[in-house]
């Protein structure tokens, strides 16, 4: 059971990193396309794509933290046998 939990956490981490890779590639693409200029410009659509990716990343991290807090509360609960 511990291995499956670690596996899920590893997969979750990889998904989170994938979001950051996407942002990095979008920005890298713009740097490459706009040449060696000191300044670059982004269209509204490009900024919206980056913002959407960041928002998804933030939502996923928030959801995982809430889930971990809930799991921690359950795992820390000590079960006691009932007496009649």
PDB file of N, CA and C in Angstrom:
ATOM      1  N   UNK A   1       0.824  -1.178   0.000  1.00  0.00           N
ATOM      2  CA  UNK A   1       0.000   0.000   0.000  1.00  0.00           C
ATOM      3  C   UNK A   1       0.877   1.253   0.000  1.00  0.00           C
ATOM      4  N   UNK A   2       1.996   1.187   0.683  1.00  0.00           N
ATOM      5  CA  UNK A   2       2.890   2.333   0.741  1.00  0.00           C
ATOM      6  C   UNK A   2       3.479   2.634  -0.631  1.00  0.00           C
ATOM      7  N   UNK A   3       3.771   1.590  -1.410  1.00  0.00           N
ATOM      8  CA  UNK A   3       4.319   1.788  -2.753  1.00  0.00           C
ATOM      9  C   UNK A   3       3.324   2.476  -3.666  1.00  0.00           C
ATOM     10  N   UNK A   4       2.043   2.126  -3.562  1.00  0.00           N
ATOM     11  CA  UNK A   4       1.042   2.761  -4.416  1.00  0.00           C
ATOM     12  C   UNK A   4       0.890   4.236  -4.055  1.00  0.00           C
ATOM     13  N   UNK A   5       1.003   4.577  -2.784  1.00  0.00           N
ATOM     14  CA  UNK A   5       0.936   5.980  -2.365  1.00  0.00           C
ATOM     15  C   UNK A   5       2.117   6.752  -2.914  1.00  0.00           C
ATOM     16  N   UNK A   6       3.302   6.172  -2.831  1.00  0.00           N
ATOM     17  CA  UNK A   6       4.497   6.822  -3.364  1.00  0.00           C
ATOM     18  C   UNK A   6       4.406   6.958  -4.870  1.00  0.00           C
ATOM     19  N   UNK A   7       3.854   5.951  -5.536  1.00  0.00           N
ATOM     20  CA  UNK A   7       3.690   5.997  -6.985  1.00  0.00           C
ATOM     21  C   UNK A   7       2.740   7.112  -7.397  1.00  0.00           C
ATOM     22  N   UNK A   8       1.630   7.249  -6.655  1.00  0.00           N
ATOM     23  CA  UNK A   8       0.677   8.322  -6.955  1.00  0.00           C
ATOM     24  C   UNK A   8       1.301   9.693  -6.727  1.00  0.00           C
ATOM     25  N   UNK A   9       2.088   9.821  -5.675  1.00  0.00           N
ATOM     26  CA  UNK A   9       2.741  11.094  -5.404  1.00  0.00           C
ATOM     27  C   UNK A   9       3.756  11.416  -6.496  1.00  0.00           C
ATOM     28  N   UNK A  10       4.480  10.409  -6.971  1.00  0.00           N
ATOM     29  CA  UNK A  10       5.458  10.630  -8.039  1.00  0.00           C
ATOM     30  C   UNK A  10       4.757  11.059  -9.322  1.00  0.00           C
ATOM     31  N   UNK A  11       3.654  10.400  -9.663  1.00  0.00           N
ATOM     32  CA  UNK A  11       2.901  10.767 -10.866  1.00  0.00           C
ATOM     33  C   UNK A  11       2.341  12.174 -10.743  1.00  0.00           C
ATOM     34  N   UNK A  12       1.878  12.522  -9.568  1.00  0.00           N
ATOM     35  CA  UNK A  12       1.354  13.866  -9.334  1.00  0.00           C
ATOM     36  C   UNK A  12       2.459  14.898  -9.520  1.00  0.00           C
ATOM     37  N   UNK A  13       3.620  14.605  -9.004  1.00  0.00           N
ATOM     38  CA  UNK A  13       4.754  15.506  -9.163  1.00  0.00           C
ATOM     39  C   UNK A  13       5.138  15.686 -10.615  1.00  0.00           C
ATOM     40  N   UNK A  14       5.096  14.604 -11.382  1.00  0.00           N
ATOM     41  CA  UNK A  14       5.420  14.684 -12.805  1.00  0.00           C
ATOM     42  C   UNK A  14       4.404  15.539 -13.557  1.00  0.00           C
ATOM     43  N   UNK A  15       3.123  15.433 -13.190  1.00  0.00           N
ATOM     44  CA  UNK A  15       2.100  16.264 -13.830  1.00  0.00           C
ATOM     45  C   UNK A  15       2.330  17.734 -13.515  1.00  0.00           C
ATOM     46  N   UNK A  16       2.717  18.018 -12.285  1.00  0.00           N
ATOM     47  CA  UNK A  16       2.978  19.407 -11.905  1.00  0.00           C
ATOM     48  C   UNK A  16       4.167  19.961 -12.675  1.00  0.00           C
ATOM     49  N   UNK A  17       5.197  19.155 -12.821  1.00  0.00           N
ATOM     50  CA  UNK A  17       6.376  19.589 -13.564  1.00  0.00           C
ATOM     51  C   UNK A  17       6.021  19.799 -15.034  1.00  0.00           C
ATOM     52  N   UNK A  18       5.120  18.999 -15.567  1.00  0.00           N
ATOM     53  CA  UNK A  18       4.708  19.145 -16.964  1.00  0.00           C
ATOM     54  C   UNK A  18       4.107  20.527 -17.205  1.00  0.00           C
ATOM     55  N   UNK A  19       3.341  21.045 -16.254  1.00  0.00           N
ATOM     56  CA  UNK A  19       2.774  22.393 -16.398  1.00  0.00           C
ATOM     57  C   UNK A  19       3.874  23.432 -16.479  1.00  0.00           C
ATOM     58  N   UNK A  20       4.878  23.296 -15.634  1.00  0.00           N
ATOM     59  CA  UNK A  20       5.983  24.253 -15.653  1.00  0.00           C
ATOM     60  C   UNK A  20       6.804  24.130 -16.937  1.00  0.00           C
ATOM     61  N   UNK A  21       6.953  22.912 -17.438  1.00  0.00           N
ATOM     62  CA  UNK A  21       7.663  22.714 -18.706  1.00  0.00           C
ATOM     63  C   UNK A  21       6.932  23.415 -19.845  1.00  0.00           C
ATOM     64  N   UNK A  22       5.616  23.349 -19.828  1.00  0.00           N
ATOM     65  CA  UNK A  22       4.819  23.996 -20.864  1.00  0.00           C
ATOM     66  C   UNK A  22       5.052  25.503 -20.850  1.00  0.00           C
ATOM     67  N   UNK A  23       5.035  26.104 -19.679  1.00  0.00           N
ATOM     68  CA  UNK A  23       5.283  27.544 -19.576  1.00  0.00           C
ATOM     69  C   UNK A  23       6.675  27.865 -20.087  1.00  0.00           C
ATOM     70  N   UNK A  24       7.648  27.079 -19.687  1.00  0.00           N
ATOM     71  CA  UNK A  24       9.023  27.309 -20.117  1.00  0.00           C
ATOM     72  C   UNK A  24       9.144  27.218 -21.635  1.00  0.00           C
ATOM     73  N   UNK A  25       8.473  26.258 -22.234  1.00  0.00           N
ATOM     74  CA  UNK A  25       8.531  26.101 -23.693  1.00  0.00           C
ATOM     75  C   UNK A  25       7.829  27.241 -24.413  1.00  0.00           C
ATOM     76  N   UNK A  26       6.716  27.702 -23.875  1.00  0.00           N
ATOM     77  CA  UNK A  26       6.032  28.844 -24.484  1.00  0.00           C
ATOM     78  C   UNK A  26       6.931  30.079 -24.477  1.00  0.00           C
ATOM     79  N   UNK A  27       7.552  30.331 -23.336  1.00  0.00           N
ATOM     80  CA  UNK A  27       8.445  31.487 -23.241  1.00  0.00           C
ATOM     81  C   UNK A  27       9.690  31.292 -24.104  1.00  0.00           C
ATOM     82  N   UNK A  28      10.239  30.097 -24.118  1.00  0.00           N
ATOM     83  CA  UNK A  28      11.407  29.813 -24.952  1.00  0.00           C
ATOM     84  C   UNK A  28      11.110  29.986 -26.424  1.00  0.00           C
ATOM     85  N   UNK A  29       9.918  29.571 -26.828  1.00  0.00           N
ATOM     86  CA  UNK A  29       9.510  29.728 -28.218  1.00  0.00           C
ATOM     87  C   UNK A  29       9.476  31.207 -28.593  1.00  0.00           C
ATOM     88  N   UNK A  30       8.903  32.022 -27.728  1.00  0.00           N
ATOM     89  CA  UNK A  30       8.825  33.455 -28.013  1.00  0.00           C
ATOM     90  C   UNK A  30      10.213  34.082 -28.077  1.00  0.00           C
ATOM     91  N   UNK A  31      11.099  33.682 -27.198  1.00  0.00           N
ATOM     92  CA  UNK A  31      12.461  34.205 -27.246  1.00  0.00           C
ATOM     93  C   UNK A  31      13.146  33.832 -28.555  1.00  0.00           C
ATOM     94  N   UNK A  32      12.936  32.614 -28.993  1.00  0.00           N
ATOM     95  CA  UNK A  32      13.552  32.144 -30.234  1.00  0.00           C
ATOM     96  C   UNK A  32      12.976  32.870 -31.453  1.00  0.00           C
ATOM     97  N   UNK A  33      11.662  33.008 -31.497  1.00  0.00           N
ATOM     98  CA  UNK A  33      10.988  33.623 -32.641  1.00  0.00           C
ATOM     99  C   UNK A  33      11.350  35.095 -32.776  1.00  0.00           C
ATOM    100  N   UNK A  34      11.494  35.785 -31.662  1.00  0.00           N
ATOM    101  CA  UNK A  34      11.723  37.222 -31.718  1.00  0.00           C
ATOM    102  C   UNK A  34      13.202  37.585 -31.820  1.00  0.00           C
ATOM    103  N   UNK A  35      14.033  36.604 -32.037  1.00  0.00           N
ATOM    104  CA  UNK A  35      15.442  36.868 -32.315  1.00  0.00           C
ATOM    105  C   UNK A  35      16.233  37.351 -31.118  1.00  0.00           C
ATOM    106  N   UNK A  36      17.250  38.159 -31.411  1.00  0.00           N
ATOM    107  CA  UNK A  36      18.183  38.576 -30.362  1.00  0.00           C
ATOM    108  C   UNK A  36      17.871  39.956 -29.792  1.00  0.00           C
ATOM    109  N   UNK A  37      16.662  40.402 -29.959  1.00  0.00           N
ATOM    110  CA  UNK A  37      16.279  41.714 -29.427  1.00  0.00           C
ATOM    111  C   UNK A  37      16.339  41.705 -27.902  1.00  0.00           C
ATOM    112  N   UNK A  38      16.649  42.834 -27.326  1.00  0.00           N
ATOM    113  CA  UNK A  38      16.710  42.952 -25.859  1.00  0.00           C
ATOM    114  C   UNK A  38      15.320  42.871 -25.237  1.00  0.00           C
ATOM    115  N   UNK A  39      14.312  43.337 -25.956  1.00  0.00           N
ATOM    116  CA  UNK A  39      12.944  43.288 -25.444  1.00  0.00           C
ATOM    117  C   UNK A  39      12.115  42.389 -26.347  1.00  0.00           C
ATOM    118  N   UNK A  40      11.104  41.786 -25.775  1.00  0.00           N
ATOM    119  CA  UNK A  40      10.184  40.961 -26.552  1.00  0.00           C
ATOM    120  C   UNK A  40       8.770  41.450 -26.276  1.00  0.00           C
ATOM    121  N   UNK A  41       7.861  41.089 -27.149  1.00  0.00           N
ATOM    122  CA  UNK A  41       6.461  41.424 -26.918  1.00  0.00           C
ATOM    123  C   UNK A  41       5.640  40.151 -27.041  1.00  0.00           C
ATOM    124  N   UNK A  42       4.626  40.065 -26.220  1.00  0.00           N
ATOM    125  CA  UNK A  42       3.727  38.912 -26.234  1.00  0.00           C
ATOM    126  C   UNK A  42       2.332  39.385 -26.607  1.00  0.00           C
ATOM    127  N   UNK A  43       1.651  38.582 -27.381  1.00  0.00           N
ATOM    128  CA  UNK A  43       0.271  38.915 -27.726  1.00  0.00           C
ATOM    129  C   UNK A  43      -0.636  38.601 -26.535  1.00  0.00           C
ATOM    130  N   UNK A  44      -1.831  39.113 -26.586  1.00  0.00           N
ATOM    131  CA  UNK A  44      -2.800  38.824 -25.519  1.00  0.00           C
ATOM    132  C   UNK A  44      -3.064  37.325 -25.438  1.00  0.00           C
ATOM    133  N   UNK A  45      -3.139  36.656 -26.589  1.00  0.00           N
ATOM    134  CA  UNK A  45      -3.386  35.213 -26.605  1.00  0.00           C
ATOM    135  C   UNK A  45      -2.249  34.448 -25.933  1.00  0.00           C
ATOM    136  N   UNK A  46      -1.015  34.872 -26.192  1.00  0.00           N
ATOM    137  CA  UNK A  46       0.129  34.193 -25.589  1.00  0.00           C
ATOM    138  C   UNK A  46       0.147  34.388 -24.078  1.00  0.00           C
ATOM    139  N   UNK A  47      -0.135  35.590 -23.637  1.00  0.00           N
ATOM    140  CA  UNK A  47      -0.191  35.859 -22.200  1.00  0.00           C
ATOM    141  C   UNK A  47      -1.332  35.071 -21.571  1.00  0.00           C
ATOM    142  N   UNK A  48      -2.459  34.985 -22.252  1.00  0.00           N
ATOM    143  CA  UNK A  48      -3.604  34.229 -21.748  1.00  0.00           C
ATOM    144  C   UNK A  48      -3.256  32.745 -21.609  1.00  0.00           C
ATOM    145  N   UNK A  49      -2.531  32.182 -22.576  1.00  0.00           N
ATOM    146  CA  UNK A  49      -2.107  30.775 -22.492  1.00  0.00           C
ATOM    147  C   UNK A  49      -1.198  30.551 -21.298  1.00  0.00           C
ATOM    148  N   UNK A  50      -0.263  31.442 -21.076  1.00  0.00           N
ATOM    149  CA  UNK A  50       0.657  31.321 -19.943  1.00  0.00           C
ATOM    150  C   UNK A  50      -0.116  31.451 -18.635  1.00  0.00           C
ATOM    151  N   UNK A  51      -1.017  32.420 -18.578  1.00  0.00           N
ATOM    152  CA  UNK A  51      -1.815  32.630 -17.375  1.00  0.00           C
ATOM    153  C   UNK A  51      -2.692  31.412 -17.078  1.00  0.00           C
ATOM    154  N   UNK A  52      -3.311  30.850 -18.096  1.00  0.00           N
ATOM    155  CA  UNK A  52      -4.160  29.670 -17.921  1.00  0.00           C
ATOM    156  C   UNK A  52      -3.349  28.499 -17.376  1.00  0.00           C
ATOM    157  N   UNK A  53      -2.162  28.292 -17.929  1.00  0.00           N
ATOM    158  CA  UNK A  53      -1.307  27.204 -17.470  1.00  0.00           C
ATOM    159  C   UNK A  53      -0.909  27.408 -16.016  1.00  0.00           C
ATOM    160  N   UNK A  54      -0.561  28.633 -15.658  1.00  0.00           N
ATOM    161  CA  UNK A  54      -0.209  28.924 -14.261  1.00  0.00           C
ATOM    162  C   UNK A  54      -1.407  28.718 -13.336  1.00  0.00           C
ATOM    163  N   UNK A  55      -2.588  29.145 -13.758  1.00  0.00           N
ATOM    164  CA  UNK A  55      -3.792  28.965 -12.944  1.00  0.00           C
ATOM    165  C   UNK A  55      -4.089  27.485 -12.710  1.00  0.00           C
ATOM    166  N   UNK A  56      -3.951  26.670 -13.749  1.00  0.00           N
ATOM    167  CA  UNK A  56      -4.162  25.230 -13.607  1.00  0.00           C
ATOM    168  C   UNK A  56      -3.165  24.628 -12.627  1.00  0.00           C
ATOM    169  N   UNK A  57      -1.922  25.064 -12.723  1.00  0.00           N
ATOM    170  CA  UNK A  57      -0.882  24.584 -11.819  1.00  0.00           C
ATOM    171  C   UNK A  57      -1.215  24.954 -10.378  1.00  0.00           C
ATOM    172  N   UNK A  58      -1.627  26.199 -10.161  1.00  0.00           N
ATOM    173  CA  UNK A  58      -1.968  26.661  -8.812  1.00  0.00           C
ATOM    174  C   UNK A  58      -3.155  25.879  -8.259  1.00  0.00           C
ATOM    175  N   UNK A  59      -4.175  25.660  -9.076  1.00  0.00           N
ATOM    176  CA  UNK A  59      -5.348  24.902  -8.638  1.00  0.00           C
ATOM    177  C   UNK A  59      -4.973  23.479  -8.263  1.00  0.00           C
ATOM    178  N   UNK A  60      -4.116  22.843  -9.057  1.00  0.00           N
ATOM    179  CA  UNK A  60      -3.725  21.470  -8.775  1.00  0.00           C
ATOM    180  C   UNK A  60      -2.929  21.383  -7.480  1.00  0.00           C
ATOM    181  N   UNK A  61      -2.002  22.315  -7.275  1.00  0.00           N
ATOM    182  CA  UNK A  61      -1.216  22.333  -6.044  1.00  0.00           C
ATOM    183  C   UNK A  61      -2.124  22.547  -4.837  1.00  0.00           C
ATOM    184  N   UNK A  62      -3.067  23.470  -4.956  1.00  0.00           N
ATOM    185  CA  UNK A  62      -3.997  23.749  -3.857  1.00  0.00           C
ATOM    186  C   UNK A  62      -4.831  22.520  -3.535  1.00  0.00           C
ATOM    187  N   UNK A  63      -5.313  21.862  -4.571  1.00  0.00           N
ATOM    188  CA  UNK A  63      -6.136  20.664  -4.371  1.00  0.00           C
ATOM    189  C   UNK A  63      -5.325  19.558  -3.696  1.00  0.00           C
ATOM    190  N   UNK A  64      -4.082  19.387  -4.105  1.00  0.00           N
ATOM    191  CA  UNK A  64      -3.239  18.362  -3.506  1.00  0.00           C
ATOM    192  C   UNK A  64      -2.932  18.671  -2.047  1.00  0.00           C
ATOM    193  N   UNK A  65      -2.711  19.931  -1.724  1.00  0.00           N
ATOM    194  CA  UNK A  65      -2.435  20.299  -0.336  1.00  0.00           C
ATOM    195  C   UNK A  65      -3.639  20.034   0.552  1.00  0.00           C
ATOM    196  N   UNK A  66      -4.828  20.348   0.062  1.00  0.00           N
ATOM    197  CA  UNK A  66      -6.040  20.082   0.830  1.00  0.00           C
ATOM    198  C   UNK A  66      -6.204  18.583   1.024  1.00  0.00           C
ATOM    199  N   UNK A  67      -5.943  17.817  -0.032  1.00  0.00           N
ATOM    200  CA  UNK A  67      -6.044  16.360   0.072  1.00  0.00           C
ATOM    201  C   UNK A  67      -5.040  15.785   1.045  1.00  0.00           C
ATOM    202  N   UNK A  68      -3.831  16.300   1.038  1.00  0.00           N
ATOM    203  CA  UNK A  68      -2.804  15.811   1.957  1.00  0.00           C
ATOM    204  C   UNK A  68      -3.161  16.157   3.397  1.00  0.00           C
ATOM    205  N   UNK A  69      -3.723  17.337   3.608  1.00  0.00           N
ATOM    206  CA  UNK A  69      -4.130  17.724   4.961  1.00  0.00           C
ATOM    207  C   UNK A  69      -5.244  16.809   5.448  1.00  0.00           C
ATOM    208  N   UNK A  70      -6.179  16.490   4.566  1.00  0.00           N
ATOM    209  CA  UNK A  70      -7.275  15.597   4.941  1.00  0.00           C
ATOM    210  C   UNK A  70      -6.745  14.190   5.225  1.00  0.00           C
ATOM    211  N   UNK A  71      -5.820  13.711   4.402  1.00  0.00           N
ATOM    212  CA  UNK A  71      -5.237  12.387   4.619  1.00  0.00           C
ATOM    213  C   UNK A  71      -4.428  12.364   5.910  1.00  0.00           C
ATOM    214  N   UNK A  72      -3.735  13.444   6.191  1.00  0.00           N
ATOM    215  CA  UNK A  72      -2.947  13.520   7.417  1.00  0.00           C
ATOM    216  C   UNK A  72      -3.823  13.436   8.645  1.00  0.00           C
ATOM    217  N   UNK A  73      -4.990  14.068   8.587  1.00  0.00           N
ATOM    218  CA  UNK A  73      -5.910  14.027   9.721  1.00  0.00           C
ATOM    219  C   UNK A  73      -6.426  12.612   9.930  1.00  0.00           C
ATOM    220  N   UNK A  74      -6.683  11.910   8.834  1.00  0.00           N
ATOM    221  CA  UNK A  74      -7.181  10.542   8.943  1.00  0.00           C
ATOM    222  C   UNK A  74      -6.072   9.630   9.442  1.00  0.00           C
ATOM    223  N   UNK A  75      -4.852   9.804   8.925  1.00  0.00           N
ATOM    224  CA  UNK A  75      -3.753   8.944   9.324  1.00  0.00           C
ATOM    225  C   UNK A  75      -3.356   9.174  10.778  1.00  0.00           C
ATOM    226  N   UNK A  76      -3.517  10.377  11.285  1.00  0.00           N
ATOM    227  CA  UNK A  76      -3.135  10.675  12.664  1.00  0.00           C
ATOM    228  C   UNK A  76      -4.195  10.274  13.670  1.00  0.00           C
ATOM    229  N   UNK A  77      -5.370   9.921  13.186  1.00  0.00           N
ATOM    230  CA  UNK A  77      -6.435   9.511  14.088  1.00  0.00           C
ATOM    231  C   UNK A  77      -6.133   8.115  14.626  1.00  0.00           C
ATOM    232  N   UNK A  78      -6.138   8.000  15.937  1.00  0.00           N
ATOM    233  CA  UNK A  78      -5.834   6.713  16.557  1.00  0.00           C
ATOM    234  C   UNK A  78      -7.144   5.973  16.812  1.00  0.00           C
ATOM    235  N   UNK A  79      -7.205   4.748  16.326  1.00  0.00           N
ATOM    236  CA  UNK A  79      -8.401   3.950  16.514  1.00  0.00           C
ATOM    237  C   UNK A  79      -8.323   3.221  17.842  1.00  0.00           C
ATOM    238  N   UNK A  80      -9.450   3.205  18.556  1.00  0.00           N
ATOM    239  CA  UNK A  80      -9.525   2.550  19.858  1.00  0.00           C
ATOM    240  C   UNK A  80     -10.635   1.512  19.789  1.00  0.00           C
ATOM    241  N   UNK A  81     -10.374   0.354  20.355  1.00  0.00           N
ATOM    242  CA  UNK A  81     -11.412  -0.678  20.327  1.00  0.00           C
ATOM    243  C   UNK A  81     -12.564  -0.282  21.245  1.00  0.00           C
ATOM    244  N   UNK A  82     -13.763  -0.671  20.850  1.00  0.00           N
ATOM    245  CA  UNK A  82     -14.942  -0.344  21.642  1.00  0.00           C
ATOM    246  C   UNK A  82     -15.113  -1.363  22.750  1.00  0.00           C
ATOM    247  N   UNK A  83     -15.600  -0.906  23.878  1.00  0.00           N
ATOM    248  CA  UNK A  83     -15.870  -1.798  25.015  1.00  0.00           C
ATOM    249  C   UNK A  83     -17.355  -1.802  25.306  1.00  0.00           C
ATOM    250  N   UNK A  84     -17.865  -2.959  25.544  1.00  0.00           N
ATOM    251  CA  UNK A  84     -19.305  -3.064  25.854  1.00  0.00           C
ATOM    252  C   UNK A  84     -19.514  -3.233  27.334  1.00  0.00           C
TER     253      UNK A  84
END
